[in-house]
Structures are given as structure tokens and as C-alpha cells.
PDB file of all heavy atoms in Angstrom:
ATOM      1  N   SER A   1       0.827  -1.208   0.000  1.00  0.00           N
ATOM      2  CA  SER A   1       0.000   0.000   0.000  1.00  0.00           C
ATOM      3  C   SER A   1       0.862   1.260   0.000  1.00  0.00           C
ATOM      4  O   SER A   1       1.802   1.378  -0.790  1.00  0.00           O
ATOM      5  CB  SER A   1      -0.961  -0.048   1.196  1.00  0.00           C
ATOM      6  OG  SER A   1      -2.026   0.861   1.029  1.00  0.00           O
ATOM      7  N   TYR A   2       0.567   2.219   0.904  1.00  0.00           N
ATOM      8  CA  TYR A   2       1.332   3.466   0.918  1.00  0.00           C
ATOM      9  C   TYR A   2       2.805   3.244   1.261  1.00  0.00           C
ATOM     10  O   TYR A   2       3.632   4.113   0.977  1.00  0.00           O
ATOM     11  CB  TYR A   2       0.714   4.446   1.906  1.00  0.00           C
ATOM     12  CG  TYR A   2      -0.374   5.317   1.329  1.00  0.00           C
ATOM     13  CD1 TYR A   2      -1.361   5.851   2.146  1.00  0.00           C
ATOM     14  CD2 TYR A   2      -0.413   5.633  -0.030  1.00  0.00           C
ATOM     15  CE1 TYR A   2      -2.367   6.668   1.627  1.00  0.00           C
ATOM     16  CE2 TYR A   2      -1.410   6.436  -0.551  1.00  0.00           C
ATOM     17  CZ  TYR A   2      -2.387   6.949   0.281  1.00  0.00           C
ATOM     18  OH  TYR A   2      -3.374   7.756  -0.234  1.00  0.00           O
ATOM     19  N   GLY A   3       3.142   2.119   1.874  1.00  0.00           N
ATOM     20  CA  GLY A   3       4.549   1.823   2.106  1.00  0.00           C
ATOM     21  C   GLY A   3       5.321   1.785   0.810  1.00  0.00           C
ATOM     22  O   GLY A   3       6.462   2.262   0.720  1.00  0.00           O
ATOM     23  N   GLY A   4       4.716   1.239  -0.224  1.00  0.00           N
ATOM     24  CA  GLY A   4       5.350   1.224  -1.538  1.00  0.00           C
ATOM     25  C   GLY A   4       5.359   2.583  -2.199  1.00  0.00           C
ATOM     26  O   GLY A   4       6.324   2.959  -2.872  1.00  0.00           O
ATOM     27  N   THR A   5       4.267   3.337  -2.019  1.00  0.00           N
ATOM     28  CA  THR A   5       4.217   4.699  -2.545  1.00  0.00           C
ATOM     29  C   THR A   5       5.339   5.535  -1.934  1.00  0.00           C
ATOM     30  O   THR A   5       6.018   6.295  -2.630  1.00  0.00           O
ATOM     31  CB  THR A   5       2.854   5.349  -2.229  1.00  0.00           C
ATOM     32  OG1 THR A   5       1.801   4.464  -2.618  1.00  0.00           O
ATOM     33  CG2 THR A   5       2.698   6.664  -2.967  1.00  0.00           C
ATOM     34  N   GLU A   6       5.524   5.369  -0.643  1.00  0.00           N
ATOM     35  CA  GLU A   6       6.585   6.101   0.050  1.00  0.00           C
ATOM     36  C   GLU A   6       7.964   5.711  -0.476  1.00  0.00           C
ATOM     37  O   GLU A   6       8.839   6.566  -0.642  1.00  0.00           O
ATOM     38  CB  GLU A   6       6.473   5.848   1.554  1.00  0.00           C
ATOM     39  CG  GLU A   6       5.232   6.483   2.170  1.00  0.00           C
ATOM     40  CD  GLU A   6       4.727   5.763   3.394  1.00  0.00           C
ATOM     41  OE1 GLU A   6       5.466   4.903   3.942  1.00  0.00           O
ATOM     42  OE2 GLU A   6       3.580   6.028   3.819  1.00  0.00           O
ATOM     43  N   TRP A   7       8.177   4.420  -0.721  1.00  0.00           N
ATOM     44  CA  TRP A   7       9.474   3.992  -1.261  1.00  0.00           C
ATOM     45  C   TRP A   7       9.713   4.620  -2.639  1.00  0.00           C
ATOM     46  O   TRP A   7      10.816   5.104  -2.916  1.00  0.00           O
ATOM     47  CB  TRP A   7       9.547   2.464  -1.385  1.00  0.00           C
ATOM     48  CG  TRP A   7      10.841   2.044  -1.999  1.00  0.00           C
ATOM     49  CD1 TRP A   7      12.039   1.888  -1.368  1.00  0.00           C
ATOM     50  CD2 TRP A   7      11.095   1.788  -3.387  1.00  0.00           C
ATOM     51  NE1 TRP A   7      13.029   1.545  -2.271  1.00  0.00           N
ATOM     52  CE2 TRP A   7      12.470   1.477  -3.516  1.00  0.00           C
ATOM     53  CE3 TRP A   7      10.291   1.788  -4.526  1.00  0.00           C
ATOM     54  CZ2 TRP A   7      13.050   1.175  -4.740  1.00  0.00           C
ATOM     55  CZ3 TRP A   7      10.868   1.490  -5.739  1.00  0.00           C
ATOM     56  CH2 TRP A   7      12.241   1.182  -5.846  1.00  0.00           C
ATOM     57  N   LEU A   8       8.706   4.627  -3.498  1.00  0.00           N
ATOM     58  CA  LEU A   8       8.858   5.228  -4.819  1.00  0.00           C
ATOM     59  C   LEU A   8       9.276   6.688  -4.715  1.00  0.00           C
ATOM     60  O   LEU A   8      10.210   7.132  -5.392  1.00  0.00           O
ATOM     61  CB  LEU A   8       7.551   5.116  -5.610  1.00  0.00           C
ATOM     62  CG  LEU A   8       7.193   3.743  -6.177  1.00  0.00           C
ATOM     63  CD1 LEU A   8       5.754   3.734  -6.677  1.00  0.00           C
ATOM     64  CD2 LEU A   8       8.145   3.363  -7.307  1.00  0.00           C
ATOM     65  N   HIS A   9       8.605   7.438  -3.861  1.00  0.00           N
ATOM     66  CA  HIS A   9       8.911   8.861  -3.729  1.00  0.00           C
ATOM     67  C   HIS A   9      10.286   9.076  -3.101  1.00  0.00           C
ATOM     68  O   HIS A   9      11.033   9.967  -3.525  1.00  0.00           O
ATOM     69  CB  HIS A   9       7.827   9.563  -2.906  1.00  0.00           C
ATOM     70  CG  HIS A   9       6.584   9.854  -3.687  1.00  0.00           C
ATOM     71  ND1 HIS A   9       6.430  11.011  -4.423  1.00  0.00           N
ATOM     72  CD2 HIS A   9       5.449   9.135  -3.861  1.00  0.00           C
ATOM     73  CE1 HIS A   9       5.243  10.997  -5.006  1.00  0.00           C
ATOM     74  NE2 HIS A   9       4.629   9.867  -4.681  1.00  0.00           N
ATOM     75  N   ALA A  10      10.624   8.277  -2.097  1.00  0.00           N
ATOM     76  CA  ALA A  10      11.924   8.436  -1.442  1.00  0.00           C
ATOM     77  C   ALA A  10      13.062   8.156  -2.410  1.00  0.00           C
ATOM     78  O   ALA A  10      14.016   8.936  -2.511  1.00  0.00           O
ATOM     79  CB  ALA A  10      12.012   7.508  -0.228  1.00  0.00           C
ATOM     80  N   TYR A  11      12.966   7.065  -3.148  1.00  0.00           N
ATOM     81  CA  TYR A  11      14.084   6.640  -3.992  1.00  0.00           C
ATOM     82  C   TYR A  11      14.202   7.480  -5.258  1.00  0.00           C
ATOM     83  O   TYR A  11      15.289   7.920  -5.638  1.00  0.00           O
ATOM     84  CB  TYR A  11      13.922   5.167  -4.347  1.00  0.00           C
ATOM     85  CG  TYR A  11      15.175   4.565  -4.957  1.00  0.00           C
ATOM     86  CD1 TYR A  11      16.372   4.586  -4.247  1.00  0.00           C
ATOM     87  CD2 TYR A  11      15.154   3.985  -6.216  1.00  0.00           C
ATOM     88  CE1 TYR A  11      17.528   4.026  -4.788  1.00  0.00           C
ATOM     89  CE2 TYR A  11      16.302   3.434  -6.756  1.00  0.00           C
ATOM     90  CZ  TYR A  11      17.488   3.453  -6.039  1.00  0.00           C
ATOM     91  OH  TYR A  11      18.624   2.920  -6.570  1.00  0.00           O
ATOM     92  N   ILE A  12      13.088   7.716  -5.924  1.00  0.00           N
ATOM     93  CA  ILE A  12      13.129   8.438  -7.195  1.00  0.00           C
ATOM     94  C   ILE A  12      13.542   9.894  -6.992  1.00  0.00           C
ATOM     95  O   ILE A  12      14.193  10.488  -7.852  1.00  0.00           O
ATOM     96  CB  ILE A  12      11.763   8.327  -7.905  1.00  0.00           C
ATOM     97  CG1 ILE A  12      11.544   6.882  -8.386  1.00  0.00           C
ATOM     98  CG2 ILE A  12      11.663   9.287  -9.079  1.00  0.00           C
ATOM     99  CD1 ILE A  12      10.174   6.619  -8.956  1.00  0.00           C
ATOM    100  N   ALA A  13      13.219  10.458  -5.832  1.00  0.00           N
ATOM    101  CA  ALA A  13      13.504  11.878  -5.601  1.00  0.00           C
ATOM    102  C   ALA A  13      14.916  12.134  -5.086  1.00  0.00           C
ATOM    103  O   ALA A  13      15.355  13.284  -5.065  1.00  0.00           O
ATOM    104  CB  ALA A  13      12.503  12.450  -4.606  1.00  0.00           C
ATOM    105  N   ASN A  14      15.645  11.088  -4.697  1.00  0.00           N
ATOM    106  CA  ASN A  14      16.879  11.309  -3.953  1.00  0.00           C
ATOM    107  C   ASN A  14      18.099  10.704  -4.660  1.00  0.00           C
ATOM    108  O   ASN A  14      18.341   9.509  -4.559  1.00  0.00           O
ATOM    109  CB  ASN A  14      16.741  10.713  -2.550  1.00  0.00           C
ATOM    110  CG  ASN A  14      17.795  11.223  -1.600  1.00  0.00           C
ATOM    111  OD1 ASN A  14      18.986  11.091  -1.855  1.00  0.00           O
ATOM    112  ND2 ASN A  14      17.363  11.804  -0.494  1.00  0.00           N
ATOM    113  N   PRO A  15      18.880  11.510  -5.354  1.00  0.00           N
ATOM    114  CA  PRO A  15      20.082  11.001  -6.032  1.00  0.00           C
ATOM    115  C   PRO A  15      21.069  10.346  -5.077  1.00  0.00           C
ATOM    116  O   PRO A  15      21.782   9.403  -5.464  1.00  0.00           O
ATOM    117  CB  PRO A  15      20.687  12.258  -6.674  1.00  0.00           C
ATOM    118  CG  PRO A  15      19.541  13.207  -6.813  1.00  0.00           C
ATOM    119  CD  PRO A  15      18.672  12.953  -5.624  1.00  0.00           C
ATOM    120  N   GLN A  16      21.134  10.813  -3.837  1.00  0.00           N
ATOM    121  CA  GLN A  16      22.043  10.215  -2.858  1.00  0.00           C
ATOM    122  C   GLN A  16      21.660   8.772  -2.569  1.00  0.00           C
ATOM    123  O   GLN A  16      22.521   7.887  -2.497  1.00  0.00           O
ATOM    124  CB  GLN A  16      22.039  11.027  -1.558  1.00  0.00           C
ATOM    125  CG  GLN A  16      23.097  10.581  -0.553  1.00  0.00           C
ATOM    126  CD  GLN A  16      23.100  11.433   0.698  1.00  0.00           C
ATOM    127  OE1 GLN A  16      22.313  12.371   0.831  1.00  0.00           O
ATOM    128  NE2 GLN A  16      23.982  11.119   1.627  1.00  0.00           N
ATOM    129  N   LEU A  17      20.364   8.515  -2.420  1.00  0.00           N
ATOM    130  CA  LEU A  17      19.908   7.139  -2.235  1.00  0.00           C
ATOM    131  C   LEU A  17      20.249   6.283  -3.449  1.00  0.00           C
ATOM    132  O   LEU A  17      20.670   5.132  -3.318  1.00  0.00           O
ATOM    133  CB  LEU A  17      18.395   7.109  -1.998  1.00  0.00           C
ATOM    134  CG  LEU A  17      17.888   7.429  -0.590  1.00  0.00           C
ATOM    135  CD1 LEU A  17      16.376   7.334  -0.561  1.00  0.00           C
ATOM    136  CD2 LEU A  17      18.511   6.502   0.429  1.00  0.00           C
ATOM    137  N   GLN A  18      20.065   6.830  -4.626  1.00  0.00           N
ATOM    138  CA  GLN A  18      20.356   6.074  -5.848  1.00  0.00           C
ATOM    139  C   GLN A  18      21.834   5.735  -5.960  1.00  0.00           C
ATOM    140  O   GLN A  18      22.187   4.689  -6.508  1.00  0.00           O
ATOM    141  CB  GLN A  18      19.892   6.882  -7.057  1.00  0.00           C
ATOM    142  CG  GLN A  18      18.393   7.103  -7.117  1.00  0.00           C
ATOM    143  CD  GLN A  18      18.002   8.229  -8.043  1.00  0.00           C
ATOM    144  OE1 GLN A  18      18.695   8.523  -9.016  1.00  0.00           O
ATOM    145  NE2 GLN A  18      16.892   8.893  -7.752  1.00  0.00           N
ATOM    146  N   ARG A  19      22.699   6.592  -5.443  1.00  0.00           N
ATOM    147  CA  ARG A  19      24.136   6.320  -5.479  1.00  0.00           C
ATOM    148  C   ARG A  19      24.557   5.304  -4.417  1.00  0.00           C
ATOM    149  O   ARG A  19      25.442   4.478  -4.659  1.00  0.00           O
ATOM    150  CB  ARG A  19      24.932   7.616  -5.272  1.00  0.00           C
ATOM    151  CG  ARG A  19      24.888   8.580  -6.444  1.00  0.00           C
ATOM    152  CD  ARG A  19      25.925   9.687  -6.277  1.00  0.00           C
ATOM    153  NE  ARG A  19      25.712  10.450  -5.056  1.00  0.00           N
ATOM    154  CZ  ARG A  19      24.984  11.557  -4.997  1.00  0.00           C
ATOM    155  NH1 ARG A  19      24.380  12.019  -6.097  1.00  0.00           N
ATOM    156  NH2 ARG A  19      24.852  12.217  -3.852  1.00  0.00           N
ATOM    157  N   GLN A  20      23.927   5.363  -3.256  1.00  0.00           N
ATOM    158  CA  GLN A  20      24.406   4.576  -2.126  1.00  0.00           C
ATOM    159  C   GLN A  20      23.707   3.233  -1.962  1.00  0.00           C
ATOM    160  O   GLN A  20      24.232   2.341  -1.295  1.00  0.00           O
ATOM    161  CB  GLN A  20      24.259   5.384  -0.831  1.00  0.00           C
ATOM    162  CG  GLN A  20      25.129   6.635  -0.793  1.00  0.00           C
ATOM    163  CD  GLN A  20      25.144   7.278   0.565  1.00  0.00           C
ATOM    164  OE1 GLN A  20      24.783   6.681   1.579  1.00  0.00           O
ATOM    165  NE2 GLN A  20      25.580   8.532   0.610  1.00  0.00           N
ATOM    166  N   LEU A  21      22.509   3.091  -2.543  1.00  0.00           N
ATOM    167  CA  LEU A  21      21.740   1.867  -2.349  1.00  0.00           C
ATOM    168  C   LEU A  21      21.301   1.282  -3.682  1.00  0.00           C
ATOM    169  O   LEU A  21      20.848   2.010  -4.564  1.00  0.00           O
ATOM    170  CB  LEU A  21      20.504   2.150  -1.493  1.00  0.00           C
ATOM    171  CG  LEU A  21      20.761   2.398   0.002  1.00  0.00           C
ATOM    172  CD1 LEU A  21      19.544   3.009   0.644  1.00  0.00           C
ATOM    173  CD2 LEU A  21      21.121   1.106   0.710  1.00  0.00           C
ATOM    174  N   ASN A  22      21.440  -0.023  -3.796  1.00  0.00           N
ATOM    175  CA  ASN A  22      20.957  -0.751  -4.970  1.00  0.00           C
ATOM    176  C   ASN A  22      19.773  -1.604  -4.541  1.00  0.00           C
ATOM    177  O   ASN A  22      19.882  -2.422  -3.621  1.00  0.00           O
ATOM    178  CB  ASN A  22      22.055  -1.654  -5.540  1.00  0.00           C
ATOM    179  CG  ASN A  22      23.271  -0.870  -5.986  1.00  0.00           C
ATOM    180  OD1 ASN A  22      23.144   0.130  -6.679  1.00  0.00           O
ATOM    181  ND2 ASN A  22      24.450  -1.309  -5.569  1.00  0.00           N
ATOM    182  N   PHE A  23      18.649  -1.406  -5.201  1.00  0.00           N
ATOM    183  CA  PHE A  23      17.452  -2.199  -4.930  1.00  0.00           C
ATOM    184  C   PHE A  23      17.274  -3.198  -6.072  1.00  0.00           C
ATOM    185  O   PHE A  23      16.847  -2.828  -7.160  1.00  0.00           O
ATOM    186  CB  PHE A  23      16.235  -1.288  -4.795  1.00  0.00           C
ATOM    187  CG  PHE A  23      16.281  -0.399  -3.596  1.00  0.00           C
ATOM    188  CD1 PHE A  23      16.804   0.883  -3.670  1.00  0.00           C
ATOM    189  CD2 PHE A  23      15.819  -0.853  -2.374  1.00  0.00           C
ATOM    190  CE1 PHE A  23      16.862   1.695  -2.572  1.00  0.00           C
ATOM    191  CE2 PHE A  23      15.863  -0.042  -1.249  1.00  0.00           C
ATOM    192  CZ  PHE A  23      16.391   1.234  -1.345  1.00  0.00           C
ATOM    193  N   HIS A  24      17.605  -4.448  -5.815  1.00  0.00           N
ATOM    194  CA  HIS A  24      17.639  -5.431  -6.898  1.00  0.00           C
ATOM    195  C   HIS A  24      16.257  -5.992  -7.231  1.00  0.00           C
ATOM    196  O   HIS A  24      15.925  -6.182  -8.399  1.00  0.00           O
ATOM    197  CB  HIS A  24      18.601  -6.560  -6.525  1.00  0.00           C
ATOM    198  CG  HIS A  24      20.006  -6.070  -6.308  1.00  0.00           C
ATOM    199  ND1 HIS A  24      20.814  -5.681  -7.350  1.00  0.00           N
ATOM    200  CD2 HIS A  24      20.724  -5.881  -5.180  1.00  0.00           C
ATOM    201  CE1 HIS A  24      21.983  -5.283  -6.874  1.00  0.00           C
ATOM    202  NE2 HIS A  24      21.952  -5.392  -5.559  1.00  0.00           N
ATOM    203  N   ARG A  25      15.483  -6.285  -6.188  1.00  0.00           N
ATOM    204  CA  ARG A  25      14.128  -6.794  -6.392  1.00  0.00           C
ATOM    205  C   ARG A  25      13.178  -6.038  -5.475  1.00  0.00           C
ATOM    206  O   ARG A  25      13.342  -6.054  -4.258  1.00  0.00           O
ATOM    207  CB  ARG A  25      14.062  -8.300  -6.112  1.00  0.00           C
ATOM    208  CG  ARG A  25      14.673  -9.127  -7.238  1.00  0.00           C
ATOM    209  CD  ARG A  25      14.773 -10.596  -6.873  1.00  0.00           C
ATOM    210  NE  ARG A  25      15.178 -11.379  -8.016  1.00  0.00           N
ATOM    211  CZ  ARG A  25      16.418 -11.448  -8.487  1.00  0.00           C
ATOM    212  NH1 ARG A  25      17.376 -10.763  -7.903  1.00  0.00           N
ATOM    213  NH2 ARG A  25      16.713 -12.199  -9.535  1.00  0.00           N
ATOM    214  N   VAL A  26      12.199  -5.411  -6.084  1.00  0.00           N
ATOM    215  CA  VAL A  26      11.217  -4.628  -5.337  1.00  0.00           C
ATOM    216  C   VAL A  26       9.837  -5.208  -5.635  1.00  0.00           C
ATOM    217  O   VAL A  26       9.430  -5.277  -6.799  1.00  0.00           O
ATOM    218  CB  VAL A  26      11.266  -3.140  -5.722  1.00  0.00           C
ATOM    219  CG1 VAL A  26      10.178  -2.363  -4.986  1.00  0.00           C
ATOM    220  CG2 VAL A  26      12.646  -2.556  -5.416  1.00  0.00           C
ATOM    221  N   ILE A  27       9.146  -5.639  -4.591  1.00  0.00           N
ATOM    222  CA  ILE A  27       7.806  -6.210  -4.739  1.00  0.00           C
ATOM    223  C   ILE A  27       6.816  -5.240  -4.113  1.00  0.00           C
ATOM    224  O   ILE A  27       6.844  -4.991  -2.902  1.00  0.00           O
ATOM    225  CB  ILE A  27       7.699  -7.590  -4.060  1.00  0.00           C
ATOM    226  CG1 ILE A  27       8.744  -8.550  -4.645  1.00  0.00           C
ATOM    227  CG2 ILE A  27       6.293  -8.157  -4.242  1.00  0.00           C
ATOM    228  CD1 ILE A  27       8.791  -9.895  -3.934  1.00  0.00           C
ATOM    229  N   LEU A  28       5.952  -4.676  -4.934  1.00  0.00           N
ATOM    230  CA  LEU A  28       4.949  -3.716  -4.479  1.00  0.00           C
ATOM    231  C   LEU A  28       3.587  -4.399  -4.468  1.00  0.00           C
ATOM    232  O   LEU A  28       3.163  -4.981  -5.475  1.00  0.00           O
ATOM    233  CB  LEU A  28       4.932  -2.496  -5.409  1.00  0.00           C
ATOM    234  CG  LEU A  28       6.269  -1.759  -5.553  1.00  0.00           C
ATOM    235  CD1 LEU A  28       6.130  -0.600  -6.536  1.00  0.00           C
ATOM    236  CD2 LEU A  28       6.777  -1.259  -4.205  1.00  0.00           C
ATOM    237  N   LEU A  29       2.905  -4.326  -3.336  1.00  0.00           N
ATOM    238  CA  LEU A  29       1.637  -5.032  -3.146  1.00  0.00           C
ATOM    239  C   LEU A  29       0.505  -4.023  -2.951  1.00  0.00           C
ATOM    240  O   LEU A  29       0.432  -3.360  -1.915  1.00  0.00           O
ATOM    241  CB  LEU A  29       1.729  -5.947  -1.919  1.00  0.00           C
ATOM    242  CG  LEU A  29       2.883  -6.961  -1.906  1.00  0.00           C
ATOM    243  CD1 LEU A  29       3.001  -7.611  -0.531  1.00  0.00           C
ATOM    244  CD2 LEU A  29       2.686  -8.015  -2.980  1.00  0.00           C
ATOM    245  N   GLY A  30      -0.341  -3.871  -3.949  1.00  0.00           N
ATOM    246  CA  GLY A  30      -1.466  -2.949  -3.835  1.00  0.00           C
ATOM    247  C   GLY A  30      -1.026  -1.526  -3.607  1.00  0.00           C
ATOM    248  O   GLY A  30      -1.584  -0.823  -2.766  1.00  0.00           O
ATOM    249  N   VAL A  31      -0.045  -1.081  -4.373  1.00  0.00           N
ATOM    250  CA  VAL A  31       0.562   0.232  -4.154  1.00  0.00           C
ATOM    251  C   VAL A  31      -0.028   1.262  -5.116  1.00  0.00           C
ATOM    252  O   VAL A  31       0.126   1.137  -6.340  1.00  0.00           O
ATOM    253  CB  VAL A  31       2.091   0.156  -4.343  1.00  0.00           C
ATOM    254  CG1 VAL A  31       2.702   1.553  -4.377  1.00  0.00           C
ATOM    255  CG2 VAL A  31       2.703  -0.680  -3.224  1.00  0.00           C
ATOM    256  N   PRO A  32      -0.691   2.305  -4.607  1.00  0.00           N
ATOM    257  CA  PRO A  32      -1.179   3.365  -5.488  1.00  0.00           C
ATOM    258  C   PRO A  32      -0.033   4.264  -5.935  1.00  0.00           C
ATOM    259  O   PRO A  32       0.749   4.732  -5.113  1.00  0.00           O
ATOM    260  CB  PRO A  32      -2.177   4.128  -4.613  1.00  0.00           C
ATOM    261  CG  PRO A  32      -1.722   3.870  -3.209  1.00  0.00           C
ATOM    262  CD  PRO A  32      -1.088   2.503  -3.209  1.00  0.00           C
ATOM    263  N   THR A  33       0.061   4.484  -7.242  1.00  0.00           N
ATOM    264  CA  THR A  33       1.092   5.362  -7.793  1.00  0.00           C
ATOM    265  C   THR A  33       0.500   6.695  -8.225  1.00  0.00           C
ATOM    266  O   THR A  33       1.112   7.740  -8.059  1.00  0.00           O
ATOM    267  CB  THR A  33       1.778   4.682  -9.000  1.00  0.00           C
ATOM    268  OG1 THR A  33       2.290   3.415  -8.590  1.00  0.00           O
ATOM    269  CG2 THR A  33       2.931   5.529  -9.522  1.00  0.00           C
ATOM    270  N   ASP A  34      -0.692   6.639  -8.797  1.00  0.00           N
ATOM    271  CA  ASP A  34      -1.386   7.845  -9.244  1.00  0.00           C
ATOM    272  C   ASP A  34      -2.833   7.746  -8.769  1.00  0.00           C
ATOM    273  O   ASP A  34      -3.573   6.848  -9.180  1.00  0.00           O
ATOM    274  CB  ASP A  34      -1.328   7.958 -10.769  1.00  0.00           C
ATOM    275  CG  ASP A  34      -1.967   9.237 -11.296  1.00  0.00           C
ATOM    276  OD1 ASP A  34      -2.833   9.807 -10.621  1.00  0.00           O
ATOM    277  OD2 ASP A  34      -1.603   9.661 -12.404  1.00  0.00           O
ATOM    278  N   GLU A  35      -3.248   8.678  -7.915  1.00  0.00           N
ATOM    279  CA  GLU A  35      -4.583   8.604  -7.325  1.00  0.00           C
ATOM    280  C   GLU A  35      -5.603   9.476  -8.046  1.00  0.00           C
ATOM    281  O   GLU A  35      -6.628   9.840  -7.478  1.00  0.00           O
ATOM    282  CB  GLU A  35      -4.495   8.964  -5.844  1.00  0.00           C
ATOM    283  CG  GLU A  35      -3.634   7.981  -5.065  1.00  0.00           C
ATOM    284  CD  GLU A  35      -3.638   8.227  -3.574  1.00  0.00           C
ATOM    285  OE1 GLU A  35      -4.576   7.767  -2.888  1.00  0.00           O
ATOM    286  OE2 GLU A  35      -2.698   8.890  -3.088  1.00  0.00           O
ATOM    287  N   SER A  36      -5.332   9.769  -9.308  1.00  0.00           N
ATOM    288  CA  SER A  36      -6.268  10.584 -10.090  1.00  0.00           C
ATOM    289  C   SER A  36      -7.524   9.819 -10.463  1.00  0.00           C
ATOM    290  O   SER A  36      -8.581  10.421 -10.670  1.00  0.00           O
ATOM    291  CB  SER A  36      -5.599  11.056 -11.390  1.00  0.00           C
ATOM    292  OG  SER A  36      -4.481  11.861 -11.133  1.00  0.00           O
ATOM    293  N   PHE A  37      -7.423   8.503 -10.580  1.00  0.00           N
ATOM    294  CA  PHE A  37      -8.464   7.734 -11.248  1.00  0.00           C
ATOM    295  C   PHE A  37      -9.101   6.708 -10.317  1.00  0.00           C
ATOM    296  O   PHE A  37      -8.480   6.239  -9.362  1.00  0.00           O
ATOM    297  CB  PHE A  37      -7.881   7.030 -12.478  1.00  0.00           C
ATOM    298  CG  PHE A  37      -7.068   7.957 -13.349  1.00  0.00           C
ATOM    299  CD1 PHE A  37      -5.681   7.882 -13.364  1.00  0.00           C
ATOM    300  CD2 PHE A  37      -7.688   8.922 -14.123  1.00  0.00           C
ATOM    301  CE1 PHE A  37      -4.922   8.740 -14.150  1.00  0.00           C
ATOM    302  CE2 PHE A  37      -6.950   9.795 -14.912  1.00  0.00           C
ATOM    303  CZ  PHE A  37      -5.560   9.709 -14.920  1.00  0.00           C
ATOM    304  N   GLY A  38     -10.342   6.347 -10.652  1.00  0.00           N
ATOM    305  CA  GLY A  38     -11.097   5.396  -9.848  1.00  0.00           C
ATOM    306  C   GLY A  38     -11.203   4.033 -10.506  1.00  0.00           C
ATOM    307  O   GLY A  38     -10.653   3.786 -11.580  1.00  0.00           O
ATOM    308  N   ALA A  39     -11.957   3.161  -9.861  1.00  0.00           N
ATOM    309  CA  ALA A  39     -12.043   1.770 -10.291  1.00  0.00           C
ATOM    310  C   ALA A  39     -12.653   1.599 -11.682  1.00  0.00           C
ATOM    311  O   ALA A  39     -12.411   0.598 -12.351  1.00  0.00           O
ATOM    312  CB  ALA A  39     -12.851   0.963  -9.270  1.00  0.00           C
TER     313      ALA A  39
END
């Protein structure tokens, strides 16, 4: 859920994280990325 949304925002926004951490496999479960649209 929002835990995955938070990871996306933290990692994509931060060049320092991208330099220092490698995320090899990321499993997102029911993660909203864009909340513009409904079912």
C-alpha cells in the first residue's frame, strides 16, 4: 500500500539514495502510484 508509494517517492527523488543503495528486487503489493483515477 502506501509503504510502496513512500518507497517510490523516497528513492526516485533522492540522487544520494540512488548512489548509495541498490534495490535489486522490489515487490509492491497494492501500491497506489497515481490517485487521479477510480475503479
